[in-house]
C-alpha atoms as a PDB file:
ATOM      1  CA  MET A   1      10.480   3.108 -26.506  1.00  0.00           C
ATOM      2  CA  ALA A   2       8.698   5.430 -24.089  1.00  0.00           C
ATOM      3  CA  SER A   3      10.714   7.995 -22.187  1.00  0.00           C
ATOM      4  CA  ASP A   4      10.615   8.179 -18.382  1.00  0.00           C
ATOM      5  CA  LYS A   5       8.375  11.217 -18.714  1.00  0.00           C
ATOM      6  CA  GLN A   6       5.916   9.347 -20.943  1.00  0.00           C
ATOM      7  CA  LYS A   7       5.939   6.383 -18.562  1.00  0.00           C
ATOM      8  CA  ALA A   8       5.110   8.734 -15.686  1.00  0.00           C
ATOM      9  CA  MET A   9       2.252  10.272 -17.699  1.00  0.00           C
ATOM     10  CA  ASN A  10       0.960   6.824 -18.646  1.00  0.00           C
ATOM     11  CA  LYS A  11       0.851   5.945 -14.945  1.00  0.00           C
ATOM     12  CA  VAL A  12      -1.205   9.073 -14.191  1.00  0.00           C
ATOM     13  CA  GLN A  13      -3.572   8.266 -17.049  1.00  0.00           C
ATOM     14  CA  LYS A  14      -3.928   4.639 -15.945  1.00  0.00           C
ATOM     15  CA  TYR A  15      -5.037   5.635 -12.460  1.00  0.00           C
ATOM     16  CA  ALA A  16      -7.312   8.381 -13.809  1.00  0.00           C
ATOM     17  CA  PHE A  17      -9.027   5.734 -15.935  1.00  0.00           C
ATOM     18  CA  THR A  18      -9.417   3.314 -13.022  1.00  0.00           C
ATOM     19  CA  LEU A  19     -10.936   6.108 -10.922  1.00  0.00           C
ATOM     20  CA  THR A  20     -13.483   6.873 -13.621  1.00  0.00           C
ATOM     21  CA  GLU A  21     -14.441   3.217 -13.917  1.00  0.00           C
ATOM     22  CA  ALA A  22     -14.687   2.817 -10.137  1.00  0.00           C
ATOM     23  CA  LYS A  23     -16.901   5.924  -9.882  1.00  0.00           C
ATOM     24  CA  LEU A  24     -19.213   4.566 -12.557  1.00  0.00           C
ATOM     25  CA  PHE A  25     -19.485   1.253 -10.723  1.00  0.00           C
ATOM     26  CA  LEU A  26     -20.155   2.996  -7.422  1.00  0.00           C
ATOM     27  CA  ASP A  27     -22.947   5.011  -9.041  1.00  0.00           C
ATOM     28  CA  SER A  28     -24.921   1.788  -9.385  1.00  0.00           C
ATOM     29  CA  HIS A  29     -23.465  -0.033  -6.340  1.00  0.00           C
ATOM     30  CA  PRO A  30     -23.062   2.691  -3.693  1.00  0.00           C
ATOM     31  CA  GLN A  31     -23.074   0.265  -0.759  1.00  0.00           C
ATOM     32  CA  CYS A  32     -20.409  -2.101  -2.099  1.00  0.00           C
ATOM     33  CA  ALA A  33     -17.665  -2.071   0.527  1.00  0.00           C
ATOM     34  CA  GLU A  34     -15.200  -3.812  -1.789  1.00  0.00           C
ATOM     35  CA  ALA A  35     -15.725  -1.172  -4.493  1.00  0.00           C
ATOM     36  CA  ILE A  36     -15.371   1.663  -1.990  1.00  0.00           C
ATOM     37  CA  SER A  37     -12.115   0.169  -0.731  1.00  0.00           C
ATOM     38  CA  TYR A  38     -10.884  -0.250  -4.309  1.00  0.00           C
ATOM     39  CA  TYR A  39     -11.808   3.356  -5.101  1.00  0.00           C
ATOM     40  CA  GLU A  40      -9.964   4.683  -2.062  1.00  0.00           C
ATOM     41  CA  LYS A  41      -6.855   2.697  -3.024  1.00  0.00           C
ATOM     42  CA  GLN A  42      -6.998   4.046  -6.582  1.00  0.00           C
ATOM     43  CA  VAL A  43      -7.364   7.627  -5.294  1.00  0.00           C
ATOM     44  CA  ALA A  44      -4.169   7.196  -3.256  1.00  0.00           C
ATOM     45  CA  LEU A  45      -2.313   5.675  -6.215  1.00  0.00           C
ATOM     46  CA  TYR A  46      -3.530   8.460  -8.526  1.00  0.00           C
ATOM     47  CA  LYS A  47      -2.405  11.180  -6.115  1.00  0.00           C
ATOM     48  CA  GLU A  48       0.982   9.507  -5.758  1.00  0.00           C
ATOM     49  CA  ALA A  49       1.403   9.247  -9.543  1.00  0.00           C
ATOM     50  CA  VAL A  50       0.423  12.897 -10.033  1.00  0.00           C
ATOM     51  CA  LYS A  51       2.845  14.024  -7.338  1.00  0.00           C
ATOM     52  CA  GLU A  52       5.676  11.994  -8.872  1.00  0.00           C
ATOM     53  CA  TYR A  53       4.978  13.475 -12.303  1.00  0.00           C
ATOM     54  CA  GLU A  54       4.697  17.051 -11.063  1.00  0.00           C
ATOM     55  CA  ASP A  55       7.820  16.766  -8.906  1.00  0.00           C
ATOM     56  CA  CYS A  56       9.864  15.611 -11.889  1.00  0.00           C
ATOM     57  CA  TYR A  57       8.330  17.461 -14.826  1.00  0.00           C
ATOM     58  CA  SER A  58       5.634  20.130 -14.645  1.00  0.00           C
ATOM     59  CA  PRO A  59       2.234  20.839 -13.119  1.00  0.00           C
ATOM     60  CA  LEU A  60      -0.751  18.927 -14.468  1.00  0.00           C
ATOM     61  CA  THR A  61      -3.303  21.394 -13.123  1.00  0.00           C
ATOM     62  CA  ALA A  62      -3.313  25.098 -12.381  1.00  0.00           C
ATOM     63  CA  GLU A  63      -3.733  24.272  -8.697  1.00  0.00           C
ATOM     64  CA  ALA A  64      -0.251  22.747  -8.737  1.00  0.00           C
ATOM     65  CA  GLY A  65       1.198  25.645 -10.711  1.00  0.00           C
ATOM     66  CA  VAL A  66       3.198  27.257  -7.899  1.00  0.00           C
ATOM     67  CA  LYS A  67       6.547  25.745  -6.993  1.00  0.00           C
ATOM     68  CA  ASP A  68       9.364  27.388  -5.076  1.00  0.00           C
ATOM     69  CA  GLY A  69       7.536  30.729  -5.225  1.00  0.00           C
ATOM     70  CA  LYS A  70       7.224  30.662  -9.023  1.00  0.00           C
ATOM     71  CA  TRP A  71       4.082  30.476 -11.154  1.00  0.00           C
ATOM     72  CA  LEU A  72       4.766  27.559 -13.496  1.00  0.00           C
ATOM     73  CA  TRP A  73       1.330  26.837 -14.927  1.00  0.00           C
ATOM     74  CA  ALA A  74       1.413  29.437 -17.705  1.00  0.00           C
ATOM     75  CA  THR A  75       5.165  29.905 -17.916  1.00  0.00           C
ATOM     76  CA  THR A  76       6.208  26.361 -18.821  1.00  0.00           C
ATOM     77  CA  PRO A  77       5.478  24.715 -22.178  1.00  0.00           C
ATOM     78  CA  TRP A  78       2.097  23.018 -22.526  1.00  0.00           C
ATOM     79  CA  PRO A  79       2.220  19.216 -22.831  1.00  0.00           C
ATOM     80  CA  TRP A  80       1.836  19.312 -26.613  1.00  0.00           C
ATOM     81  CA  GLU A  81       4.615  21.924 -26.903  1.00  0.00           C
ATOM     82  CA  ARG A  82       7.169  19.809 -25.055  1.00  0.00           C
ATOM     83  CA  SER A  83       9.631  17.809 -27.068  1.00  0.00           C
ATOM     84  CA  GLU A  84      10.509  14.300 -25.944  1.00  0.00           C
ATOM     85  CA  ASN A  85      13.560  14.288 -28.200  1.00  0.00           C
END
């Protein structure tokens, strides 16, 4: 069974995937209003998922590495170093 942390990461990855697919579609259909609307919705959902993950666990990018005046990006374990047990 996936932990809450893994579920949060899966949510981030799901929206990252949908953004990639939407961008590829928009490359060949740049005037499609429905696709643009879908893309914008996915961007909002992705940002929300990233924020939820970072608020609960750790930064996903260096840009989010400062929290409460501390540099967390290089001072917290990398994702593959973290134990879910």
